[in-house]
Protein backbone atom coordinates (compact mmCIF):
# COMPACT_ATOMS: atom_id res chain seq x y z
CA MET A 1 -33.08 -1.42 -15.93
CA SER A 2 -31.17 -2.88 -18.85
CA GLU A 3 -30.83 -6.65 -19.01
CA ILE A 4 -27.38 -8.00 -18.13
CA ARG A 5 -25.83 -11.40 -17.52
CA ILE A 6 -23.78 -11.78 -14.37
CA SER A 7 -21.54 -14.22 -16.25
CA ASP A 8 -20.50 -11.31 -18.46
CA LEU A 9 -19.31 -9.36 -15.41
CA ILE A 10 -17.41 -11.87 -13.30
CA ILE A 11 -14.71 -14.37 -14.22
CA PRO A 12 -15.54 -18.11 -14.50
CA LYS A 13 -13.76 -18.96 -11.22
CA TYR A 14 -16.24 -16.82 -9.29
CA GLN A 15 -19.43 -17.75 -11.11
CA PRO A 16 -20.32 -20.83 -8.96
CA LEU A 17 -20.15 -18.58 -5.86
CA PHE A 18 -22.48 -15.85 -6.97
CA ASN A 19 -25.84 -17.39 -6.06
CA ASN A 20 -24.55 -19.89 -3.50
CA ARG A 21 -25.82 -18.80 -0.07
CA SER A 22 -24.84 -22.01 1.73
CA ILE A 23 -21.19 -20.95 2.14
CA LYS A 24 -20.80 -18.73 5.18
CA HIS A 25 -17.18 -17.66 4.74
CA ILE A 26 -15.69 -16.77 1.34
CA ILE A 27 -11.99 -15.92 1.24
CA LEU A 28 -10.83 -14.34 -2.01
CA THR A 29 -7.12 -13.80 -2.54
CA SER A 30 -5.30 -12.77 -5.68
CA GLY A 31 -2.32 -11.20 -7.30
CA ARG A 32 -2.78 -7.81 -8.91
CA ALA A 33 -5.74 -7.56 -11.31
CA GLY A 34 -7.34 -10.79 -10.07
CA THR A 35 -10.77 -9.01 -10.05
CA LYS A 36 -11.73 -10.02 -6.50
CA SER A 37 -12.74 -6.44 -5.65
CA SER A 38 -14.91 -6.23 -8.76
CA PHE A 39 -16.63 -9.48 -7.80
CA ALA A 40 -17.27 -8.26 -4.24
CA ALA A 41 -18.73 -4.99 -5.55
CA ILE A 42 -21.09 -6.71 -7.98
CA ARG A 43 -22.09 -9.27 -5.35
CA GLY A 44 -22.68 -6.56 -2.73
CA ASP A 45 -24.67 -4.30 -5.06
CA TYR A 46 -26.72 -7.24 -6.31
CA GLN A 47 -27.51 -8.16 -2.69
CA ILE A 48 -29.25 -4.88 -1.89
CA VAL A 49 -31.02 -4.73 -5.25
CA SER A 50 -32.31 -8.30 -5.46
CA SER A 51 -33.12 -9.21 -1.86
CA GLU A 52 -36.42 -8.26 -0.29
CA LYS A 53 -34.76 -7.69 3.08
CA GLY A 54 -31.00 -7.89 3.17
CA SER A 55 -28.48 -5.11 3.77
CA VAL A 56 -24.70 -5.12 3.43
CA VAL A 57 -21.80 -3.86 5.55
CA VAL A 58 -18.43 -3.07 3.96
CA LEU A 59 -15.51 -2.79 6.36
CA ARG A 60 -11.90 -1.75 6.26
CA LYS A 61 -9.69 -1.49 9.29
CA HIS A 62 -9.10 2.21 8.67
CA HIS A 63 -12.12 4.43 8.05
CA ASN A 64 -10.13 7.06 6.15
CA LYS A 65 -9.37 4.59 3.34
CA LEU A 66 -12.98 3.72 2.54
CA ARG A 67 -14.00 6.51 0.18
CA LYS A 68 -11.23 6.10 -2.38
CA THR A 69 -11.35 2.30 -2.36
CA VAL A 70 -14.41 0.16 -1.61
CA TYR A 71 -16.95 3.00 -1.72
CA LYS A 72 -15.70 3.96 -5.18
CA GLU A 73 -15.68 0.29 -6.24
CA MET A 74 -19.29 -0.21 -5.12
CA LEU A 75 -20.42 2.78 -7.18
CA ARG A 76 -18.58 1.34 -10.16
CA GLY A 77 -20.38 -1.96 -9.55
CA ILE A 78 -23.76 -0.24 -9.80
CA SER A 79 -22.80 1.08 -13.22
CA ARG A 80 -21.64 -2.36 -14.33
CA LEU A 81 -24.99 -3.83 -13.26
CA LYS A 82 -26.61 -1.10 -15.38
CA VAL A 83 -28.85 0.04 -12.55
CA PRO A 84 -29.53 3.80 -12.81
CA LYS A 85 -28.01 5.69 -9.87
CA SER A 86 -31.36 7.51 -9.59
CA LYS A 87 -32.69 4.27 -8.07
CA PHE A 88 -30.43 4.80 -5.05
CA HIS A 89 -29.97 7.33 -2.29
CA ILE A 90 -26.17 7.71 -2.19
CA THR A 91 -24.49 9.73 0.56
CA LYS A 92 -20.89 10.40 1.57
CA SER A 93 -21.47 11.45 5.17
CA PRO A 94 -22.39 8.95 6.36
CA MET A 95 -21.16 6.71 3.55
CA GLU A 96 -24.27 4.77 2.55
CA ILE A 97 -25.90 3.42 -0.59
CA LYS A 98 -29.63 2.76 -0.17
CA TYR A 99 -31.75 1.06 -2.83
CA LEU A 100 -34.96 3.09 -2.78
CA LYS A 101 -37.30 0.32 -3.95
CA ASN A 102 -36.80 -1.92 -0.91
CA GLY A 103 -34.81 0.17 1.57
CA ASN A 104 -31.86 -2.22 1.63
CA THR A 105 -28.70 -0.29 2.48
CA MET A 106 -24.97 -0.76 2.07
CA TYR A 107 -23.09 0.68 5.05
CA PHE A 108 -19.38 1.53 5.07
CA ALA A 109 -17.29 1.69 8.21
CA GLY A 110 -13.84 1.34 9.69
CA SER A 111 -13.46 -1.40 12.26
CA ASP A 112 -13.28 1.12 15.09
CA GLY A 113 -16.64 2.51 13.91
CA ILE A 114 -18.66 -0.69 14.18
CA ASP A 115 -20.73 0.54 17.12
CA ASP A 116 -21.76 3.64 15.19
CA THR A 117 -22.80 1.45 12.26
CA LYS A 118 -24.91 -0.80 14.48
CA GLY A 119 -26.83 2.22 15.63
CA ILE A 120 -28.11 3.12 12.18
CA ILE A 121 -28.98 -0.35 10.88
CA ASP A 122 -32.70 -0.94 10.33
CA GLU A 123 -33.64 -4.01 12.39
CA ASP A 124 -36.25 -4.91 9.74
CA ARG A 125 -33.49 -5.45 7.19
CA PRO A 126 -30.83 -7.69 8.71
CA ILE A 127 -27.28 -7.68 7.43
CA LYS A 128 -26.97 -10.55 4.98
CA LEU A 129 -23.47 -9.83 3.72
CA VAL A 130 -20.30 -8.45 5.33
CA ILE A 131 -17.40 -7.60 3.03
CA ILE A 132 -13.99 -7.29 4.71
CA ASP A 133 -11.66 -5.41 2.39
CA GLU A 134 -7.86 -5.58 2.85
CA ALA A 135 -8.24 -8.20 5.56
CA THR A 136 -4.47 -8.14 6.17
CA GLU A 137 -4.90 -4.78 7.93
CA PHE A 138 -6.99 -6.45 10.64
CA PHE A 139 -3.98 -8.61 11.49
CA ASP A 140 -1.30 -5.95 11.05
CA ASP A 141 -3.09 -3.16 12.91
CA GLY A 142 -5.81 -4.95 14.88
CA ASP A 143 -6.60 -8.10 16.81
CA GLY A 144 -6.68 -10.40 13.78
CA GLU A 145 -8.84 -13.49 14.16
CA ASP A 146 -10.45 -12.24 17.39
CA GLU A 147 -11.54 -9.05 15.67
CA LEU A 148 -13.00 -10.92 12.69
CA LEU A 149 -14.91 -13.26 15.01
CA ASN A 150 -16.33 -10.24 16.83
CA ILE A 151 -17.45 -8.72 13.53
CA GLU A 152 -19.16 -11.97 12.58
CA ALA A 153 -20.96 -12.17 15.92
CA THR A 154 -22.09 -8.56 15.61
CA PHE A 155 -23.69 -8.81 12.20
CA ALA A 156 -24.83 -12.42 12.06
CA ARG A 157 -27.27 -11.70 14.88
CA GLY A 158 -30.91 -11.82 13.79
CA ASN A 159 -30.28 -13.96 10.70
CA ASN A 160 -32.06 -17.26 10.11
CA GLY A 161 -29.84 -18.38 7.25
CA GLY A 162 -28.08 -16.94 4.26
CA PHE A 163 -25.61 -14.75 6.20
CA GLN A 164 -22.20 -14.53 4.48
CA MET A 165 -18.82 -12.90 4.95
CA ILE A 166 -16.40 -12.18 2.10
CA TYR A 167 -12.75 -11.53 2.97
CA LEU A 168 -10.48 -9.87 0.40
CA TYR A 169 -6.71 -9.56 0.49
CA ASN A 170 -3.53 -9.92 -1.51
CA PRO A 171 -1.35 -12.55 0.19
CA PRO A 172 1.62 -11.06 2.06
CA LYS A 173 5.09 -11.96 0.90
CA ASN A 174 5.86 -13.61 4.24
CA PRO A 175 4.38 -17.14 4.41
CA ASN A 176 4.59 -16.92 8.21
CA ALA A 177 2.28 -13.88 8.37
CA PRO A 178 -0.67 -14.31 10.79
CA ILE A 179 -3.28 -13.96 8.05
CA VAL A 180 -1.74 -16.88 6.15
CA GLU A 181 -2.08 -19.07 9.23
CA TRP A 182 -5.67 -17.86 9.72
CA CYS A 183 -6.52 -18.71 6.12
CA LYS A 184 -5.14 -22.24 6.48
CA LYS A 185 -7.27 -22.68 9.60
CA MET A 186 -10.39 -21.37 7.86
CA GLU A 187 -9.89 -23.70 4.89
CA LYS A 188 -10.52 -26.66 7.20
CA ARG A 189 -14.02 -25.45 8.01
CA PRO A 190 -16.91 -27.01 6.06
CA ASP A 191 -18.63 -23.61 5.76
CA CYS A 192 -15.63 -21.88 4.15
CA VAL A 193 -14.23 -21.71 0.65
CA HIS A 194 -10.96 -20.08 -0.45
CA ILE A 195 -10.49 -19.06 -4.08
CA HIS A 196 -7.26 -17.62 -5.41
CA THR A 197 -7.04 -15.84 -8.76
CA THR A 198 -4.47 -14.06 -10.91
CA TYR A 199 -4.65 -11.84 -13.95
CA LYS A 200 -4.28 -15.04 -15.99
CA ASP A 201 -7.78 -16.09 -14.86
CA VAL A 202 -9.22 -12.93 -16.38
CA PRO A 203 -10.16 -12.60 -20.07
CA PRO A 204 -7.28 -10.72 -21.74
CA GLU A 205 -9.63 -8.12 -23.19
CA TRP A 206 -10.75 -7.22 -19.66
CA VAL A 207 -7.29 -6.47 -18.32
CA GLY A 208 -5.82 -5.06 -21.52
CA LYS A 209 -2.57 -5.49 -23.39
CA ASP A 210 -0.67 -2.85 -21.39
CA LEU A 211 -1.32 -4.54 -18.05
CA ILE A 212 -0.22 -7.92 -19.37
CA GLU A 213 2.95 -6.39 -20.80
CA THR A 214 3.67 -4.72 -17.44
CA ALA A 215 3.39 -8.07 -15.67
CA GLU A 216 5.58 -9.85 -18.19
CA THR A 217 8.19 -7.09 -18.02
CA LEU A 218 8.48 -7.56 -14.26
CA LYS A 219 8.71 -11.32 -14.77
CA LYS A 220 11.81 -10.82 -16.90
CA SER A 221 13.50 -8.38 -14.53
CA ASP A 222 12.55 -9.87 -11.15
CA GLU A 223 10.68 -13.17 -11.28
CA LYS A 224 10.33 -13.47 -7.52
CA GLN A 225 8.70 -10.05 -7.27
CA TYR A 226 6.48 -10.98 -10.22
CA ARG A 227 5.31 -14.14 -8.49
CA TRP A 228 4.34 -12.14 -5.40
CA VAL A 229 2.84 -9.05 -7.04
CA TRP A 230 1.11 -10.61 -10.03
CA LEU A 231 0.57 -14.24 -9.05
CA GLY A 232 -0.14 -13.54 -5.39
CA GLU A 233 2.29 -16.13 -4.07
CA SER A 234 3.77 -15.83 -0.58
CA THR A 235 7.27 -16.17 -1.97
CA GLY A 236 9.10 -15.57 1.30
CA ILE A 237 11.09 -12.63 2.60
CA ASP A 238 14.65 -12.03 1.50
CA GLU A 239 16.68 -11.03 4.52
CA ILE A 240 18.50 -8.47 2.34
CA ILE A 241 15.81 -5.82 1.87
CA TYR A 242 17.11 -4.21 -1.31
CA TYR A 243 18.23 -7.43 -2.98
CA MET A 244 17.44 -5.80 -6.34
CA PHE A 245 20.13 -3.12 -5.81
CA ASN A 246 22.97 -3.61 -8.29
CA PRO A 247 26.06 -1.76 -9.62
CA ASN A 248 24.19 -0.68 -12.77
CA MET A 249 22.19 1.70 -10.58
CA ILE A 250 25.31 3.70 -9.73
CA VAL A 251 25.30 6.47 -12.34
CA GLU A 252 26.97 9.88 -12.56
CA PRO A 253 24.02 12.32 -12.79
CA PRO A 254 23.88 14.83 -15.64
CA ARG A 255 24.68 18.39 -14.57
CA ALA A 256 21.11 19.52 -15.14
CA VAL A 257 18.72 21.60 -13.06
CA TYR A 258 16.40 19.31 -11.07
CA PRO A 259 13.65 19.65 -8.51
CA VAL A 260 15.70 18.38 -5.56
CA ALA A 261 14.64 16.36 -2.52
CA ILE A 262 17.00 15.83 0.39
CA GLY A 263 16.39 13.05 2.88
CA VAL A 264 17.86 13.77 6.31
CA ASP A 265 18.42 11.18 9.04
CA TYR A 266 19.78 12.56 12.30
CA GLY A 267 21.72 10.73 14.98
CA GLN A 268 23.44 11.81 18.12
CA MET A 269 26.28 9.32 18.53
CA ASN A 270 24.88 7.52 15.49
CA ALA A 271 25.46 8.84 11.99
CA THR A 272 23.75 11.88 10.52
CA THR A 273 23.32 11.83 6.77
CA TYR A 274 21.95 14.03 3.98
CA GLU A 275 21.05 12.28 0.73
CA ALA A 276 20.06 14.45 -2.25
CA TRP A 277 18.01 13.24 -5.21
CA GLY A 278 17.02 15.00 -8.40
CA LEU A 279 13.67 14.44 -10.09
CA ASP A 280 14.37 13.96 -13.80
CA VAL A 281 10.89 14.18 -15.29
CA ALA A 282 12.03 13.93 -18.91
CA LYS A 283 13.93 10.66 -18.35
CA LYS A 284 11.62 9.36 -15.59
CA LYS A 285 14.53 8.96 -13.20
CA PHE A 286 15.13 9.74 -9.54
CA ARG A 287 18.81 10.58 -9.69
CA GLY A 288 21.09 10.40 -6.67
CA LEU A 289 23.14 13.60 -6.53
CA LYS A 290 25.24 13.97 -3.41
CA GLU A 291 25.82 12.57 0.07
CA TYR A 292 26.84 13.99 3.43
CA TYR A 293 27.69 11.48 6.17
CA TYR A 294 29.12 12.00 9.64
CA SER A 295 29.22 9.49 12.48
CA GLY A 296 30.01 10.86 15.93
CA ARG A 297 30.80 7.35 17.14
CA ASP A 298 33.26 6.66 14.33
CA GLU A 299 34.87 10.09 14.46
CA GLY A 300 35.04 10.22 18.25
CA LYS A 301 33.33 13.63 18.41
CA GLN A 302 29.64 14.37 18.38
CA LYS A 303 28.42 17.49 16.61
CA SER A 304 25.69 19.78 17.87
CA PRO A 305 22.55 20.50 15.80
CA SER A 306 24.01 23.93 15.05
CA GLU A 307 27.19 22.37 13.67
CA TYR A 308 25.18 19.89 11.58
CA ALA A 309 23.12 22.79 10.22
CA ALA A 310 26.32 24.62 9.27
CA ASP A 311 27.43 21.47 7.45
CA PHE A 312 24.05 21.31 5.74
CA LYS A 313 24.41 24.92 4.56
CA GLU A 314 27.78 24.11 3.00
CA TYR A 315 26.37 20.89 1.49
CA PHE A 316 23.39 22.74 0.01
CA GLU A 317 25.57 25.51 -1.44
CA GLU A 318 27.64 22.84 -3.20
CA LEU A 319 24.44 21.35 -4.65
CA GLN A 320 23.42 24.81 -5.86
CA LYS A 321 26.77 25.29 -7.55
CA GLU A 322 26.92 21.82 -9.11
CA TYR A 323 23.31 21.56 -10.30
CA GLY A 324 22.12 25.15 -10.66
CA ILE A 325 19.27 24.76 -8.20
CA ALA A 326 17.73 27.58 -6.17
CA THR A 327 15.86 25.56 -3.56
CA ALA A 328 15.13 22.05 -2.32
CA ILE A 329 12.59 20.20 -0.22
CA VAL A 330 14.18 18.68 2.87
CA TYR A 331 12.42 15.62 4.29
CA ILE A 332 13.78 15.28 7.78
CA ASP A 333 13.48 12.67 10.52
CA PRO A 334 10.37 13.83 12.48
CA SER A 335 12.20 13.37 15.79
CA ALA A 336 14.94 15.84 14.79
CA LYS A 337 13.07 19.07 15.56
CA GLY A 338 16.15 20.86 16.84
CA LEU A 339 18.14 20.19 13.68
CA ALA A 340 15.16 21.15 11.52
CA GLU A 341 14.93 24.55 13.23
CA GLU A 342 18.68 25.14 12.85
CA ILE A 343 18.60 24.26 9.13
CA LYS A 344 15.59 26.50 8.61
CA ARG A 345 17.45 29.39 10.26
CA LYS A 346 20.69 28.89 8.33
CA CYS A 347 19.13 27.94 4.96
CA PRO A 348 15.89 29.87 4.44
CA ALA A 349 15.94 28.89 0.75
CA VAL A 350 14.96 25.28 1.53
CA LYS A 351 11.56 23.97 2.54
CA ILE A 352 11.56 21.75 5.65
CA VAL A 353 9.00 18.93 5.76
CA ASP A 354 8.53 16.23 8.38
CA ALA A 355 9.33 12.91 6.71
CA GLN A 356 6.63 10.25 6.44
CA ASN A 357 7.97 7.47 8.63
CA ASP A 358 5.89 4.48 7.53
CA VAL A 359 8.79 2.03 7.29
CA ALA A 360 7.00 -0.85 5.53
CA LEU A 361 5.35 1.35 2.92
CA GLY A 362 8.54 3.33 2.37
CA ILE A 363 10.55 0.14 1.80
CA SER A 364 7.89 -1.19 -0.58
CA ARG A 365 7.93 2.00 -2.65
CA THR A 366 11.73 2.14 -2.73
CA GLN A 367 11.90 -1.49 -3.84
CA LYS A 368 9.41 -0.70 -6.59
CA ILE A 369 11.39 2.19 -8.09
CA MET A 370 14.58 0.15 -7.85
CA THR A 371 12.97 -2.80 -9.63
CA TYR A 372 11.72 -0.62 -12.50
CA GLY A 373 15.01 1.24 -12.94
CA VAL A 374 13.69 4.60 -11.73
CA LEU A 375 16.13 5.07 -8.86
CA GLU A 376 19.80 5.81 -9.49
CA VAL A 377 22.63 6.41 -7.04
CA SER A 378 25.53 8.80 -7.47
CA PRO A 379 29.08 7.44 -7.18
CA THR A 380 29.50 10.00 -4.37
CA GLN A 381 26.83 8.23 -2.28
CA GLU A 382 29.34 5.70 -1.02
CA ASN A 383 27.79 5.08 2.40
CA LEU A 384 24.36 4.62 0.89
CA THR A 385 25.77 2.06 -1.54
CA ARG A 386 27.48 0.24 1.34
CA GLU A 387 24.31 0.15 3.45
CA ALA A 388 22.11 -1.00 0.55
CA GLY A 389 24.14 -4.19 0.34
CA THR A 390 23.74 -5.05 4.03
CA TYR A 391 20.35 -3.59 5.02
CA GLU A 392 18.30 -6.59 6.16
CA TYR A 393 15.29 -7.82 8.08
CA ASP A 394 15.74 -9.40 11.48
CA ALA A 395 15.53 -13.16 10.89
CA LYS A 396 13.52 -13.79 14.06
CA SER A 397 10.92 -11.20 13.05
CA ILE A 398 10.43 -12.99 9.72
CA GLU A 399 9.83 -16.28 11.54
CA GLN A 400 7.19 -14.53 13.66
CA GLY A 401 5.36 -13.24 10.59
CA LYS A 402 6.63 -9.65 10.82
CA GLU A 403 9.28 -7.80 8.83
CA VAL A 404 11.38 -5.59 11.09
CA PRO A 405 14.60 -4.11 9.68
CA VAL A 406 17.74 -4.51 11.75
CA LYS A 407 18.54 -1.09 13.23
CA ILE A 408 22.22 -1.17 12.36
CA ASN A 409 23.89 0.73 9.51
CA ASP A 410 20.54 2.02 8.28
CA HIS A 411 20.94 5.80 8.37
CA CYS A 412 21.35 6.32 4.63
CA MET A 413 18.54 3.82 4.07
CA ASP A 414 16.24 5.94 6.24
CA ALA A 415 17.24 9.14 4.45
CA MET A 416 16.62 7.52 1.06
CA ARG A 417 13.22 6.26 2.22
CA TYR A 418 12.26 9.74 3.45
CA ALA A 419 13.07 11.23 0.05
CA VAL A 420 11.15 8.52 -1.83
CA MET A 421 8.08 8.91 0.37
CA GLY A 422 8.17 12.67 0.07
CA MET A 423 8.38 12.60 -3.72
CA TRP A 424 6.10 9.61 -4.27
CA LYS A 425 3.28 11.71 -5.71
CA TYR A 426 5.63 12.34 -8.66
CA LEU A 427 7.66 9.12 -8.67
CA LYS A 428 4.65 6.83 -9.03
CA TYR A 429 4.00 8.29 -12.49
CA PHE A 430 7.43 7.07 -13.59
CA LEU A 431 6.15 3.51 -13.15
CA PRO A 432 3.86 1.47 -15.40
CA ILE A 433 0.21 2.39 -14.80
CA ALA A 434 -0.56 -0.93 -13.15
CA GLU A 435 2.20 -0.30 -10.58
CA GLN A 436 1.11 3.20 -9.53
CA GLU A 437 -1.21 1.99 -6.76
CA ASP A 438 0.14 0.56 -3.49
């Protein structure tokens, strides 16, 4: 193995932690590019290589997110330590990295797979380190503190000292979020340390000029978002969700041919809306094209799915005429199966896709393309413009550490979110590289 210095691989803020085994709980938070994941990877890989008997468990709440995140990061850590991969037995199913010289193994699991992991751990090599990645997920989708305590009890068993847990997460925007309260509680323990980092703690040559410029650009356009994303501050939740929406985003789209996405939100007595967007690859814009909006409550007459489909056919034919398109992808409210079938029958030229209905992620992505000037709105999208100015979180939910949008006047907002989620695999490349990951 080539000789390396750990101090060349981890930032100064983390260096006192690396060989300190007296701290049982290590909480690492950061803004983007704070290098906490890199530290955890190097620390975890070093554990299985350097210890005579000491394995590692890496956990995320959701098993299906392991391979592209922490598993990939741990393999990168091996390369950074300059240990040949031939010294390991590396498998994907199950996900394990075993150091052949001593048999120490790094196990990967989702929280709901802990029992399976316990069954394959060699009792002769106790778990010395547990790495909890994206700890926020354990509070958002699990039992929070109780679940983390259970994990500790599971893997600390059999240790006579030196057992550690590392928790990684980017602080949520909401300072009332449960994980923020948990962190404050943990900070009072004598066996816990909390270290927060930002890209400013990292040598500039490590992060690169482009990343720094991306951060500074956001600082100029939306300082509050910059403080959350890049400095990792819990800046608080604005009740108005799309506070960055402004009149400059209302632009008449060029009469060009676009790949078109149509977000569809269906209501019975509530409004039904179709919101069309064109993907302008050359200009890196997601251009609002045309709106359809009908509220049975406001009009005093509810339409049937067949009537809405007839309206959609007329709406789509107008889009074809105005923008020269042949087809479109329609991202429709997953609960509106009847309308989807009627549209499919009346408009065979369009492709119907169930919309991804992850509200929090969809809002986050929409905010991002608004902030970076990717999203535009047509002057014809009058109801969408109206809703964007009033769409807000429920104040009580914010106080309780959750962000739940008020379900009033949100139909265009849902349709817009469906279109953004559906086209995200393209839209993310319109953003600076550092902003392309969620």
